[in-house]
Amino acid sequence: MFERPYLKSVKARIEEPRKFIQVILGPRQVGKTTMVNQLLS
């Protein structure tokens, strides 16, 4: 499966001790939802 380049940085942000809401922004149809699904699985 293709791994998005930003997956590691998003994973690191989520694993930080602070519990802020993380917002994934970007243009349409670039794989934001797929990246989050990969992160959660």
N, C-alpha and C. Protein backbone atom coordinates (compact mmCIF):
# COMPACT_ATOMS: atom_id res chain seq x y z
N MET A 1 0.85 -1.18 0.00
CA MET A 1 0.00 0.00 0.00
C MET A 1 0.89 1.24 0.00
N PHE A 2 0.46 2.25 -0.71
CA PHE A 2 1.21 3.50 -0.79
C PHE A 2 1.12 4.25 0.53
N GLU A 3 2.26 4.67 1.07
CA GLU A 3 2.28 5.42 2.32
C GLU A 3 2.50 6.89 2.01
N ARG A 4 1.60 7.73 2.49
CA ARG A 4 1.69 9.16 2.24
C ARG A 4 2.93 9.73 2.93
N PRO A 5 3.60 10.70 2.31
CA PRO A 5 4.82 11.26 2.89
C PRO A 5 4.60 11.93 4.25
N TYR A 6 3.41 12.44 4.48
CA TYR A 6 3.16 13.16 5.74
C TYR A 6 2.64 12.26 6.85
N LEU A 7 2.51 10.98 6.58
CA LEU A 7 1.96 10.06 7.58
C LEU A 7 2.79 10.04 8.86
N LYS A 8 4.11 10.02 8.73
CA LYS A 8 4.98 9.96 9.91
C LYS A 8 4.86 11.22 10.76
N SER A 9 4.78 12.38 10.13
CA SER A 9 4.68 13.62 10.90
C SER A 9 3.32 13.74 11.59
N VAL A 10 2.25 13.29 10.93
CA VAL A 10 0.93 13.31 11.56
C VAL A 10 0.89 12.34 12.73
N LYS A 11 1.49 11.17 12.55
CA LYS A 11 1.54 10.18 13.63
C LYS A 11 2.30 10.72 14.84
N ALA A 12 3.41 11.39 14.60
CA ALA A 12 4.19 11.99 15.69
C ALA A 12 3.38 13.05 16.41
N ARG A 13 2.62 13.86 15.67
CA ARG A 13 1.81 14.91 16.30
C ARG A 13 0.72 14.31 17.18
N ILE A 14 0.11 13.22 16.72
CA ILE A 14 -0.97 12.60 17.49
C ILE A 14 -0.42 11.95 18.76
N GLU A 15 0.81 11.43 18.70
CA GLU A 15 1.40 10.74 19.85
C GLU A 15 2.00 11.70 20.88
N GLU A 16 2.01 13.00 20.60
CA GLU A 16 2.53 13.97 21.57
C GLU A 16 1.65 13.96 22.82
N PRO A 17 2.24 14.29 23.98
CA PRO A 17 1.46 14.27 25.22
C PRO A 17 0.32 15.29 25.26
N ARG A 18 0.44 16.37 24.50
CA ARG A 18 -0.65 17.34 24.46
C ARG A 18 -1.83 16.73 23.72
N LYS A 19 -3.01 17.04 24.15
CA LYS A 19 -4.20 16.46 23.54
C LYS A 19 -5.02 17.51 22.80
N PHE A 20 -4.37 18.23 21.89
CA PHE A 20 -5.06 19.20 21.08
C PHE A 20 -5.73 18.49 19.90
N ILE A 21 -6.73 19.11 19.36
CA ILE A 21 -7.37 18.58 18.17
C ILE A 21 -6.43 18.79 16.99
N GLN A 22 -6.24 17.74 16.21
CA GLN A 22 -5.42 17.83 15.01
C GLN A 22 -6.34 17.97 13.81
N VAL A 23 -6.06 18.94 12.96
CA VAL A 23 -6.88 19.19 11.78
C VAL A 23 -6.03 18.87 10.55
N ILE A 24 -6.58 18.06 9.67
CA ILE A 24 -5.90 17.72 8.43
C ILE A 24 -6.54 18.55 7.32
N LEU A 25 -5.77 19.47 6.76
CA LEU A 25 -6.26 20.36 5.71
C LEU A 25 -5.51 20.10 4.42
N GLY A 26 -6.16 20.37 3.32
CA GLY A 26 -5.52 20.25 2.02
C GLY A 26 -6.54 20.28 0.92
N PRO A 27 -6.06 20.31 -0.32
CA PRO A 27 -6.98 20.32 -1.44
C PRO A 27 -7.76 19.02 -1.56
N ARG A 28 -8.77 19.04 -2.38
CA ARG A 28 -9.62 17.86 -2.58
C ARG A 28 -8.85 16.74 -3.27
N GLN A 29 -9.20 15.52 -2.92
CA GLN A 29 -8.75 14.31 -3.60
C GLN A 29 -7.24 14.14 -3.63
N VAL A 30 -6.59 14.39 -2.50
CA VAL A 30 -5.14 14.15 -2.43
C VAL A 30 -4.79 13.03 -1.46
N GLY A 31 -5.79 12.44 -0.79
CA GLY A 31 -5.54 11.29 0.08
C GLY A 31 -5.57 11.58 1.56
N LYS A 32 -6.23 12.64 1.99
CA LYS A 32 -6.29 12.97 3.42
C LYS A 32 -7.01 11.89 4.20
N THR A 33 -8.16 11.47 3.73
CA THR A 33 -8.95 10.45 4.43
C THR A 33 -8.21 9.12 4.43
N THR A 34 -7.60 8.76 3.32
CA THR A 34 -6.84 7.52 3.23
C THR A 34 -5.68 7.53 4.22
N MET A 35 -4.99 8.67 4.34
CA MET A 35 -3.88 8.77 5.26
C MET A 35 -4.35 8.58 6.70
N VAL A 36 -5.47 9.19 7.07
CA VAL A 36 -5.99 9.05 8.43
C VAL A 36 -6.42 7.61 8.67
N ASN A 37 -7.02 6.98 7.68
CA ASN A 37 -7.41 5.57 7.82
C ASN A 37 -6.18 4.68 8.01
N GLN A 38 -5.10 4.94 7.30
CA GLN A 38 -3.86 4.19 7.48
C GLN A 38 -3.31 4.40 8.87
N LEU A 39 -3.41 5.61 9.36
CA LEU A 39 -2.90 5.93 10.68
C LEU A 39 -3.67 5.20 11.78
N LEU A 40 -4.97 5.10 11.61
CA LEU A 40 -5.81 4.48 12.63
C LEU A 40 -5.81 2.96 12.58
N SER A 41 -5.35 2.38 11.50
CA SER A 41 -5.37 0.91 11.42
C SER A 41 -4.07 0.30 11.85
